PDB file of all heavy atoms in Angstrom:
ATOM      1  N   THR A   1      -9.642  -2.410  10.506  1.00  0.00           N
ATOM      2  CA  THR A   1      -9.128  -3.335   9.497  1.00  0.00           C
ATOM      3  C   THR A   1      -8.432  -2.573   8.374  1.00  0.00           C
ATOM      4  O   THR A   1      -7.333  -2.934   7.939  1.00  0.00           O
ATOM      5  CB  THR A   1     -10.268  -4.194   8.925  1.00  0.00           C
ATOM      6  OG1 THR A   1     -10.860  -4.954   9.989  1.00  0.00           O
ATOM      7  CG2 THR A   1      -9.750  -5.144   7.855  1.00  0.00           C
ATOM      8  N   GLY A   2      -9.076  -1.523   7.897  1.00  0.00           N
ATOM      9  CA  GLY A   2      -8.471  -0.726   6.838  1.00  0.00           C
ATOM     10  C   GLY A   2      -7.173  -0.061   7.278  1.00  0.00           C
ATOM     11  O   GLY A   2      -6.200  -0.027   6.521  1.00  0.00           O
ATOM     12  N   LEU A   3      -7.164   0.475   8.496  1.00  0.00           N
ATOM     13  CA  LEU A   3      -5.942   1.118   8.992  1.00  0.00           C
ATOM     14  C   LEU A   3      -4.803   0.114   9.137  1.00  0.00           C
ATOM     15  O   LEU A   3      -3.656   0.402   8.777  1.00  0.00           O
ATOM     16  CB  LEU A   3      -6.225   1.788  10.343  1.00  0.00           C
ATOM     17  CG  LEU A   3      -7.078   3.058  10.309  1.00  0.00           C
ATOM     18  CD1 LEU A   3      -7.403   3.509  11.723  1.00  0.00           C
ATOM     19  CD2 LEU A   3      -6.373   4.166   9.549  1.00  0.00           C
ATOM     20  N   SER A   4      -5.101  -1.080   9.664  1.00  0.00           N
ATOM     21  CA  SER A   4      -4.056  -2.093   9.846  1.00  0.00           C
ATOM     22  C   SER A   4      -3.520  -2.564   8.494  1.00  0.00           C
ATOM     23  O   SER A   4      -2.299  -2.651   8.289  1.00  0.00           O
ATOM     24  CB  SER A   4      -4.616  -3.271  10.636  1.00  0.00           C
ATOM     25  OG  SER A   4      -5.109  -2.855  11.893  1.00  0.00           O
ATOM     26  N   ALA A   5      -4.432  -2.861   7.564  1.00  0.00           N
ATOM     27  CA  ALA A   5      -3.987  -3.314   6.247  1.00  0.00           C
ATOM     28  C   ALA A   5      -3.221  -2.216   5.527  1.00  0.00           C
ATOM     29  O   ALA A   5      -2.217  -2.481   4.843  1.00  0.00           O
ATOM     30  CB  ALA A   5      -5.200  -3.746   5.420  1.00  0.00           C
ATOM     31  N   GLY A   6      -3.662  -0.965   5.672  1.00  0.00           N
ATOM     32  CA  GLY A   6      -2.969   0.142   5.032  1.00  0.00           C
ATOM     33  C   GLY A   6      -1.574   0.363   5.582  1.00  0.00           C
ATOM     34  O   GLY A   6      -0.641   0.679   4.825  1.00  0.00           O
ATOM     35  N   ALA A   7      -1.414   0.198   6.897  1.00  0.00           N
ATOM     36  CA  ALA A   7      -0.090   0.359   7.493  1.00  0.00           C
ATOM     37  C   ALA A   7       0.876  -0.709   6.981  1.00  0.00           C
ATOM     38  O   ALA A   7       2.046  -0.422   6.659  1.00  0.00           O
ATOM     39  CB  ALA A   7      -0.197   0.308   9.020  1.00  0.00           C
ATOM     40  N   VAL A   8       0.388  -1.955   6.876  1.00  0.00           N
ATOM     41  CA  VAL A   8       1.249  -3.046   6.389  1.00  0.00           C
ATOM     42  C   VAL A   8       1.610  -2.839   4.924  1.00  0.00           C
ATOM     43  O   VAL A   8       2.779  -2.922   4.530  1.00  0.00           O
ATOM     44  CB  VAL A   8       0.555  -4.408   6.605  1.00  0.00           C
ATOM     45  CG1 VAL A   8       1.354  -5.528   5.935  1.00  0.00           C
ATOM     46  CG2 VAL A   8       0.389  -4.690   8.091  1.00  0.00           C
ATOM     47  N   SER A   9       0.599  -2.568   4.084  1.00  0.00           N
ATOM     48  CA  SER A   9       0.875  -2.376   2.660  1.00  0.00           C
ATOM     49  C   SER A   9       1.712  -1.115   2.431  1.00  0.00           C
ATOM     50  O   SER A   9       2.504  -1.059   1.485  1.00  0.00           O
ATOM     51  CB  SER A   9      -0.439  -2.294   1.872  1.00  0.00           C
ATOM     52  OG  SER A   9      -1.233  -1.216   2.327  1.00  0.00           O
ATOM     53  N   GLY A  10       1.556  -0.102   3.318  1.00  0.00           N
ATOM     54  CA  GLY A  10       2.382   1.088   3.201  1.00  0.00           C
ATOM     55  C   GLY A  10       3.853   0.781   3.432  1.00  0.00           C
ATOM     56  O   GLY A  10       4.726   1.321   2.737  1.00  0.00           O
ATOM     57  N   LEU A  11       4.139  -0.089   4.378  1.00  0.00           N
ATOM     58  CA  LEU A  11       5.533  -0.492   4.619  1.00  0.00           C
ATOM     59  C   LEU A  11       6.088  -1.269   3.424  1.00  0.00           C
ATOM     60  O   LEU A  11       7.255  -1.107   3.052  1.00  0.00           O
ATOM     61  CB  LEU A  11       5.611  -1.326   5.894  1.00  0.00           C
ATOM     62  CG  LEU A  11       5.308  -0.567   7.201  1.00  0.00           C
ATOM     63  CD1 LEU A  11       5.314  -1.523   8.384  1.00  0.00           C
ATOM     64  CD2 LEU A  11       6.313   0.572   7.433  1.00  0.00           C
ATOM     65  N   LEU A  12       5.237  -2.114   2.821  1.00  0.00           N
ATOM     66  CA  LEU A  12       5.675  -2.819   1.602  1.00  0.00           C
ATOM     67  C   LEU A  12       5.924  -1.832   0.474  1.00  0.00           C
ATOM     68  O   LEU A  12       6.847  -2.015  -0.341  1.00  0.00           O
ATOM     69  CB  LEU A  12       4.602  -3.835   1.192  1.00  0.00           C
ATOM     70  CG  LEU A  12       4.362  -5.004   2.152  1.00  0.00           C
ATOM     71  CD1 LEU A  12       3.209  -5.868   1.657  1.00  0.00           C
ATOM     72  CD2 LEU A  12       5.629  -5.845   2.295  1.00  0.00           C
ATOM     73  N   LEU A  13       5.126  -0.769   0.418  1.00  0.00           N
ATOM     74  CA  LEU A  13       5.322   0.259  -0.605  1.00  0.00           C
ATOM     75  C   LEU A  13       6.664   0.964  -0.404  1.00  0.00           C
ATOM     76  O   LEU A  13       7.385   1.235  -1.382  1.00  0.00           O
ATOM     77  CB  LEU A  13       4.176   1.272  -0.532  1.00  0.00           C
ATOM     78  CG  LEU A  13       4.223   2.453  -1.487  1.00  0.00           C
ATOM     79  CD1 LEU A  13       4.202   1.978  -2.936  1.00  0.00           C
ATOM     80  CD2 LEU A  13       3.056   3.411  -1.222  1.00  0.00           C
ATOM     81  N   VAL A  14       7.012   1.263   0.838  1.00  0.00           N
ATOM     82  CA  VAL A  14       8.311   1.879   1.116  1.00  0.00           C
ATOM     83  C   VAL A  14       9.437   0.957   0.682  1.00  0.00           C
ATOM     84  O   VAL A  14      10.427   1.396   0.059  1.00  0.00           O
ATOM     85  CB  VAL A  14       8.423   2.217   2.620  1.00  0.00           C
ATOM     86  CG1 VAL A  14       9.846   2.673   2.958  1.00  0.00           C
ATOM     87  CG2 VAL A  14       7.429   3.311   3.002  1.00  0.00           C
ATOM     88  N   ALA A  15       9.287  -0.344   0.977  1.00  0.00           N
ATOM     89  CA  ALA A  15      10.333  -1.299   0.589  1.00  0.00           C
ATOM     90  C   ALA A  15      10.475  -1.372  -0.923  1.00  0.00           C
ATOM     91  O   ALA A  15      11.587  -1.363  -1.467  1.00  0.00           O
ATOM     92  CB  ALA A  15      10.003  -2.676   1.166  1.00  0.00           C
ATOM     93  N   GLY A  16       9.330  -1.405  -1.638  1.00  0.00           N
ATOM     94  CA  GLY A  16       9.396  -1.481  -3.100  1.00  0.00           C
ATOM     95  C   GLY A  16       9.992  -0.223  -3.717  1.00  0.00           C
ATOM     96  O   GLY A  16      10.757  -0.295  -4.677  1.00  0.00           O
ATOM     97  N   ALA A  17       9.614   0.951  -3.183  1.00  0.00           N
ATOM     98  CA  ALA A  17      10.132   2.205  -3.729  1.00  0.00           C
ATOM     99  C   ALA A  17      11.611   2.372  -3.432  1.00  0.00           C
ATOM    100  O   ALA A  17      12.379   2.904  -4.255  1.00  0.00           O
ATOM    101  CB  ALA A  17       9.351   3.382  -3.161  1.00  0.00           C
ATOM    102  N   THR A  18      12.044   1.934  -2.262  1.00  0.00           N
ATOM    103  CA  THR A  18      13.447   2.123  -1.860  1.00  0.00           C
ATOM    104  C   THR A  18      14.383   1.183  -2.607  1.00  0.00           C
ATOM    105  O   THR A  18      15.446   1.597  -3.087  1.00  0.00           O
ATOM    106  CB  THR A  18      13.591   1.903  -0.346  1.00  0.00           C
ATOM    107  OG1 THR A  18      12.699   2.789   0.344  1.00  0.00           O
ATOM    108  CG2 THR A  18      15.015   2.170   0.109  1.00  0.00           C
ATOM    109  N   THR A  19      13.978  -0.085  -2.726  1.00  0.00           N
ATOM    110  CA  THR A  19      14.861  -1.071  -3.357  1.00  0.00           C
ATOM    111  C   THR A  19      14.722  -1.102  -4.862  1.00  0.00           C
ATOM    112  O   THR A  19      15.649  -1.539  -5.567  1.00  0.00           O
ATOM    113  CB  THR A  19      14.553  -2.466  -2.799  1.00  0.00           C
ATOM    114  OG1 THR A  19      13.196  -2.831  -3.139  1.00  0.00           O
ATOM    115  CG2 THR A  19      14.699  -2.488  -1.275  1.00  0.00           C
ATOM    116  N   GLY A  20      13.582  -0.661  -5.395  1.00  0.00           N
ATOM    117  CA  GLY A  20      13.348  -0.748  -6.831  1.00  0.00           C
ATOM    118  C   GLY A  20      13.066  -2.145  -7.320  1.00  0.00           C
ATOM    119  O   GLY A  20      13.044  -2.382  -8.532  1.00  0.00           O
ATOM    120  N   ALA A  21      12.831  -3.084  -6.394  1.00  0.00           N
ATOM    121  CA  ALA A  21      12.574  -4.472  -6.781  1.00  0.00           C
ATOM    122  C   ALA A  21      11.277  -4.566  -7.580  1.00  0.00           C
ATOM    123  O   ALA A  21      10.244  -4.038  -7.170  1.00  0.00           O
ATOM    124  CB  ALA A  21      12.483  -5.361  -5.524  1.00  0.00           C
ATOM    125  N   GLY A  22      11.345  -5.246  -8.709  1.00  0.00           N
ATOM    126  CA  GLY A  22      10.154  -5.427  -9.529  1.00  0.00           C
ATOM    127  C   GLY A  22       9.851  -4.265 -10.445  1.00  0.00           C
ATOM    128  O   GLY A  22       8.840  -4.306 -11.163  1.00  0.00           O
ATOM    129  N   GLY A  23      10.664  -3.224 -10.437  1.00  0.00           N
ATOM    130  CA  GLY A  23      10.452  -2.088 -11.310  1.00  0.00           C
ATOM    131  C   GLY A  23       9.139  -1.373 -11.032  1.00  0.00           C
ATOM    132  O   GLY A  23       8.717  -1.250  -9.871  1.00  0.00           O
ATOM    133  N   LEU A  24       8.483  -0.918 -12.089  1.00  0.00           N
ATOM    134  CA  LEU A  24       7.237  -0.170 -11.924  1.00  0.00           C
ATOM    135  C   LEU A  24       6.150  -1.030 -11.291  1.00  0.00           C
ATOM    136  O   LEU A  24       5.395  -0.552 -10.427  1.00  0.00           O
ATOM    137  CB  LEU A  24       6.772   0.364 -13.285  1.00  0.00           C
ATOM    138  CG  LEU A  24       5.471   1.160 -13.298  1.00  0.00           C
ATOM    139  CD1 LEU A  24       5.585   2.399 -12.416  1.00  0.00           C
ATOM    140  CD2 LEU A  24       5.087   1.561 -14.726  1.00  0.00           C
ATOM    141  N   LEU A  25       6.055  -2.298 -11.681  1.00  0.00           N
ATOM    142  CA  LEU A  25       5.036  -3.171 -11.115  1.00  0.00           C
ATOM    143  C   LEU A  25       5.276  -3.422  -9.632  1.00  0.00           C
ATOM    144  O   LEU A  25       4.322  -3.521  -8.847  1.00  0.00           O
ATOM    145  CB  LEU A  25       5.004  -4.499 -11.876  1.00  0.00           C
ATOM    146  CG  LEU A  25       3.836  -5.435 -11.540  1.00  0.00           C
ATOM    147  CD1 LEU A  25       2.504  -4.763 -11.882  1.00  0.00           C
ATOM    148  CD2 LEU A  25       3.988  -6.756 -12.290  1.00  0.00           C
ATOM    149  N   GLY A  26       6.556  -3.499  -9.236  1.00  0.00           N
ATOM    150  CA  GLY A  26       6.877  -3.665  -7.823  1.00  0.00           C
ATOM    151  C   GLY A  26       6.455  -2.478  -6.984  1.00  0.00           C
ATOM    152  O   GLY A  26       6.252  -2.604  -5.765  1.00  0.00           O
ATOM    153  N   LEU A  27       6.313  -1.308  -7.611  1.00  0.00           N
ATOM    154  CA  LEU A  27       5.801  -0.133  -6.908  1.00  0.00           C
ATOM    155  C   LEU A  27       4.274  -0.103  -6.933  1.00  0.00           C
ATOM    156  O   LEU A  27       3.619   0.269  -5.950  1.00  0.00           O
ATOM    157  CB  LEU A  27       6.359   1.129  -7.550  1.00  0.00           C
ATOM    158  CG  LEU A  27       5.919   2.464  -6.947  1.00  0.00           C
ATOM    159  CD1 LEU A  27       6.568   2.674  -5.577  1.00  0.00           C
ATOM    160  CD2 LEU A  27       6.267   3.619  -7.883  1.00  0.00           C
ATOM    161  N   LEU A  28       3.698  -0.501  -8.070  1.00  0.00           N
ATOM    162  CA  LEU A  28       2.258  -0.351  -8.237  1.00  0.00           C
ATOM    163  C   LEU A  28       1.459  -1.325  -7.370  1.00  0.00           C
ATOM    164  O   LEU A  28       0.410  -0.958  -6.833  1.00  0.00           O
ATOM    165  CB  LEU A  28       1.880  -0.543  -9.711  1.00  0.00           C
ATOM    166  CG  LEU A  28       2.246   0.600 -10.659  1.00  0.00           C
ATOM    167  CD1 LEU A  28       1.896   0.234 -12.092  1.00  0.00           C
ATOM    168  CD2 LEU A  28       1.530   1.874 -10.251  1.00  0.00           C
ATOM    169  N   VAL A  29       1.916  -2.553  -7.227  1.00  0.00           N
ATOM    170  CA  VAL A  29       1.121  -3.542  -6.491  1.00  0.00           C
ATOM    171  C   VAL A  29       0.904  -3.122  -5.034  1.00  0.00           C
ATOM    172  O   VAL A  29      -0.240  -3.068  -4.562  1.00  0.00           O
ATOM    173  CB  VAL A  29       1.761  -4.940  -6.592  1.00  0.00           C
ATOM    174  CG1 VAL A  29       1.057  -5.914  -5.645  1.00  0.00           C
ATOM    175  CG2 VAL A  29       1.673  -5.457  -8.026  1.00  0.00           C
ATOM    176  N   PRO A  30       1.968  -2.789  -4.255  1.00  0.00           N
ATOM    177  CA  PRO A  30       1.695  -2.321  -2.890  1.00  0.00           C
ATOM    178  C   PRO A  30       0.966  -0.979  -2.858  1.00  0.00           C
ATOM    179  O   PRO A  30       0.220  -0.704  -1.920  1.00  0.00           O
ATOM    180  CB  PRO A  30       3.087  -2.221  -2.256  1.00  0.00           C
ATOM    181  CG  PRO A  30       4.038  -2.135  -3.391  1.00  0.00           C
ATOM    182  CD  PRO A  30       3.417  -2.928  -4.495  1.00  0.00           C
ATOM    183  N   LEU A  31       1.154  -0.152  -3.891  1.00  0.00           N
ATOM    184  CA  LEU A  31       0.407   1.115  -3.975  1.00  0.00           C
ATOM    185  C   LEU A  31      -1.084   0.834  -4.113  1.00  0.00           C
ATOM    186  O   LEU A  31      -1.919   1.458  -3.437  1.00  0.00           O
ATOM    187  CB  LEU A  31       0.905   1.940  -5.158  1.00  0.00           C
ATOM    188  CG  LEU A  31       0.119   3.220  -5.465  1.00  0.00           C
ATOM    189  CD1 LEU A  31       0.237   4.219  -4.312  1.00  0.00           C
ATOM    190  CD2 LEU A  31       0.601   3.854  -6.758  1.00  0.00           C
ATOM    191  N   TRP A  32      -1.447  -0.117  -4.975  1.00  0.00           N
ATOM    192  CA  TRP A  32      -2.856  -0.470  -5.148  1.00  0.00           C
ATOM    193  C   TRP A  32      -3.443  -1.004  -3.844  1.00  0.00           C
ATOM    194  O   TRP A  32      -4.572  -0.674  -3.494  1.00  0.00           O
ATOM    195  CB  TRP A  32      -3.000  -1.505  -6.263  1.00  0.00           C
ATOM    196  CG  TRP A  32      -2.690  -0.964  -7.634  1.00  0.00           C
ATOM    197  CD1 TRP A  32      -2.762   0.353  -8.037  1.00  0.00           C
ATOM    198  CD2 TRP A  32      -2.248  -1.708  -8.763  1.00  0.00           C
ATOM    199  NE1 TRP A  32      -2.396   0.465  -9.355  1.00  0.00           N
ATOM    200  CE2 TRP A  32      -2.069  -0.771  -9.842  1.00  0.00           C
ATOM    201  CE3 TRP A  32      -1.985  -3.049  -9.006  1.00  0.00           C
ATOM    202  CZ2 TRP A  32      -1.649  -1.158 -11.098  1.00  0.00           C
ATOM    203  CZ3 TRP A  32      -1.569  -3.446 -10.270  1.00  0.00           C
ATOM    204  CH2 TRP A  32      -1.398  -2.507 -11.304  1.00  0.00           C
ATOM    205  N   LEU A  33      -2.692  -1.850  -3.148  1.00  0.00           N
ATOM    206  CA  LEU A  33      -3.186  -2.401  -1.877  1.00  0.00           C
ATOM    207  C   LEU A  33      -3.387  -1.286  -0.847  1.00  0.00           C
ATOM    208  O   LEU A  33      -4.359  -1.308  -0.078  1.00  0.00           O
ATOM    209  CB  LEU A  33      -2.206  -3.444  -1.347  1.00  0.00           C
ATOM    210  CG  LEU A  33      -2.066  -4.726  -2.185  1.00  0.00           C
ATOM    211  CD1 LEU A  33      -0.964  -5.610  -1.601  1.00  0.00           C
ATOM    212  CD2 LEU A  33      -3.380  -5.484  -2.238  1.00  0.00           C
ATOM    213  N   THR A  34      -2.477  -0.334  -0.841  1.00  0.00           N
ATOM    214  CA  THR A  34      -2.596   0.782   0.110  1.00  0.00           C
ATOM    215  C   THR A  34      -3.815   1.636  -0.205  1.00  0.00           C
ATOM    216  O   THR A  34      -4.578   2.004   0.697  1.00  0.00           O
ATOM    217  CB  THR A  34      -1.320   1.646   0.075  1.00  0.00           C
ATOM    218  OG1 THR A  34      -0.177   0.820   0.331  1.00  0.00           O
ATOM    219  CG2 THR A  34      -1.390   2.743   1.123  1.00  0.00           C
ATOM    220  N   MET A  35      -4.029   1.943  -1.464  1.00  0.00           N
ATOM    221  CA  MET A  35      -5.189   2.750  -1.851  1.00  0.00           C
ATOM    222  C   MET A  35      -6.488   2.004  -1.562  1.00  0.00           C
ATOM    223  O   MET A  35      -7.481   2.610  -1.126  1.00  0.00           O
ATOM    224  CB  MET A  35      -5.102   3.127  -3.323  1.00  0.00           C
ATOM    225  CG  MET A  35      -3.920   4.031  -3.669  1.00  0.00           C
ATOM    226  SD  MET A  35      -4.014   5.650  -2.867  1.00  0.00           S
ATOM    227  CE  MET A  35      -5.271   6.443  -3.866  1.00  0.00           C
ATOM    228  N   PHE A  36      -6.507   0.690  -1.782  1.00  0.00           N
ATOM    229  CA  PHE A  36      -7.699  -0.102  -1.458  1.00  0.00           C
ATOM    230  C   PHE A  36      -7.988  -0.037   0.042  1.00  0.00           C
ATOM    231  O   PHE A  36      -9.136   0.109   0.459  1.00  0.00           O
ATOM    232  CB  PHE A  36      -7.480  -1.550  -1.896  1.00  0.00           C
ATOM    233  CG  PHE A  36      -8.644  -2.465  -1.555  1.00  0.00           C
ATOM    234  CD1 PHE A  36      -9.721  -2.563  -2.413  1.00  0.00           C
ATOM    235  CD2 PHE A  36      -8.629  -3.206  -0.391  1.00  0.00           C
ATOM    236  CE1 PHE A  36     -10.787  -3.401  -2.105  1.00  0.00           C
ATOM    237  CE2 PHE A  36      -9.688  -4.048  -0.081  1.00  0.00           C
ATOM    238  CZ  PHE A  36     -10.768  -4.143  -0.936  1.00  0.00           C
ATOM    239  N   SER A  37      -6.944  -0.119   0.866  1.00  0.00           N
ATOM    240  CA  SER A  37      -7.125  -0.064   2.321  1.00  0.00           C
ATOM    241  C   SER A  37      -7.667   1.306   2.749  1.00  0.00           C
ATOM    242  O   SER A  37      -8.524   1.386   3.633  1.00  0.00           O
ATOM    243  CB  SER A  37      -5.798  -0.350   3.028  1.00  0.00           C
ATOM    244  OG  SER A  37      -5.305  -1.633   2.682  1.00  0.00           O
ATOM    245  N   ILE A  38      -7.173   2.365   2.130  1.00  0.00           N
ATOM    246  CA  ILE A  38      -7.693   3.697   2.449  1.00  0.00           C
ATOM    247  C   ILE A  38      -9.167   3.779   2.090  1.00  0.00           C
ATOM    248  O   ILE A  38      -9.950   4.458   2.778  1.00  0.00           O
ATOM    249  CB  ILE A  38      -6.867   4.780   1.703  1.00  0.00           C
ATOM    250  CG1 ILE A  38      -5.427   4.758   2.173  1.00  0.00           C
ATOM    251  CG2 ILE A  38      -7.466   6.161   1.933  1.00  0.00           C
ATOM    252  CD1 ILE A  38      -4.505   5.677   1.378  1.00  0.00           C
ATOM    253  N   GLY A  39      -9.572   3.087   1.018  1.00  0.00           N
ATOM    254  CA  GLY A  39     -10.979   3.042   0.657  1.00  0.00           C
ATOM    255  C   GLY A  39     -11.847   2.424   1.734  1.00  0.00           C
ATOM    256  O   GLY A  39     -13.042   2.720   1.834  1.00  0.00           O
ATOM    257  N   LEU A  40     -11.284   1.526   2.558  1.00  0.00           N
ATOM    258  CA  LEU A  40     -12.019   0.963   3.691  1.00  0.00           C
ATOM    259  C   LEU A  40     -12.080   1.937   4.859  1.00  0.00           C
ATOM    260  O   LEU A  40     -13.006   1.872   5.670  1.00  0.00           O
ATOM    261  CB  LEU A  40     -11.358  -0.337   4.160  1.00  0.00           C
ATOM    262  CG  LEU A  40     -11.361  -1.520   3.190  1.00  0.00           C
ATOM    263  CD1 LEU A  40     -10.620  -2.693   3.807  1.00  0.00           C
ATOM    264  CD2 LEU A  40     -12.784  -1.919   2.836  1.00  0.00           C
ATOM    265  N   VAL A  41     -11.108   2.828   4.943  1.00  0.00           N
ATOM    266  CA  VAL A  41     -11.028   3.759   6.074  1.00  0.00           C
ATOM    267  C   VAL A  41     -11.914   4.981   5.854  1.00  0.00           C
ATOM    268  O   VAL A  41     -12.676   5.394   6.738  1.00  0.00           O
ATOM    269  CB  VAL A  41      -9.564   4.206   6.303  1.00  0.00           C
ATOM    270  CG1 VAL A  41      -9.490   5.287   7.388  1.00  0.00           C
ATOM    271  CG2 VAL A  41      -8.711   3.013   6.692  1.00  0.00           C
ATOM    272  N   MET A  42     -11.846   5.557   4.657  1.00  0.00           N
ATOM    273  CA  MET A  42     -12.438   6.875   4.410  1.00  0.00           C
ATOM    274  C   MET A  42     -13.935   6.963   4.717  1.00  0.00           C
ATOM    275  O   MET A  42     -14.377   7.953   5.309  1.00  0.00           O
ATOM    276  CB  MET A  42     -12.168   7.308   2.974  1.00  0.00           C
ATOM    277  CG  MET A  42     -10.706   7.599   2.665  1.00  0.00           C
ATOM    278  SD  MET A  42     -10.048   8.958   3.643  1.00  0.00           S
ATOM    279  CE  MET A  42     -10.953  10.322   2.945  1.00  0.00           C
ATOM    280  N   PRO A  43     -14.792   5.983   4.357  1.00  0.00           N
ATOM    281  CA  PRO A  43     -16.210   6.164   4.642  1.00  0.00           C
ATOM    282  C   PRO A  43     -16.583   6.017   6.113  1.00  0.00           C
ATOM    283  O   PRO A  43     -17.631   6.502   6.531  1.00  0.00           O
ATOM    284  CB  PRO A  43     -16.876   5.053   3.806  1.00  0.00           C
ATOM    285  CG  PRO A  43     -15.823   4.558   2.864  1.00  0.00           C
ATOM    286  CD  PRO A  43     -14.530   4.789   3.557  1.00  0.00           C
ATOM    287  N   ASN A  44     -15.751   5.332   6.902  1.00  0.00           N
ATOM    288  CA  ASN A  44     -16.172   4.953   8.254  1.00  0.00           C
ATOM    289  C   ASN A  44     -15.896   6.004   9.308  1.00  0.00           C
ATOM    290  O   ASN A  44     -16.615   6.086  10.302  1.00  0.00           O
ATOM    291  CB  ASN A  44     -15.512   3.621   8.633  1.00  0.00           C
ATOM    292  CG  ASN A  44     -16.059   2.458   7.841  1.00  0.00           C
ATOM    293  OD1 ASN A  44     -17.244   2.167   7.889  1.00  0.00           O
ATOM    294  ND2 ASN A  44     -15.211   1.818   7.060  1.00  0.00           N
ATOM    295  N   SER A  45     -14.879   6.816   9.112  1.00  0.00           N
ATOM    296  CA  SER A  45     -14.645   7.904  10.072  1.00  0.00           C
ATOM    297  C   SER A  45     -15.832   8.876  10.109  1.00  0.00           C
ATOM    298  O   SER A  45     -16.319   9.204  11.199  1.00  0.00           O
ATOM    299  CB  SER A  45     -13.350   8.655   9.722  1.00  0.00           C
ATOM    300  OG  SER A  45     -12.227   7.825   9.889  1.00  0.00           O
TER     301      SER A  45
END
């Protein structure tokens, strides 16, 4: 679940960073989701 959510939010992060849509907040929101997803992955391996 964490890996799947992280891959999706990571792609959104690439889109936000590349287009600049939403400015700093447009970068931070998918970044936060990606870091949260990694938090689901790290303890389970």
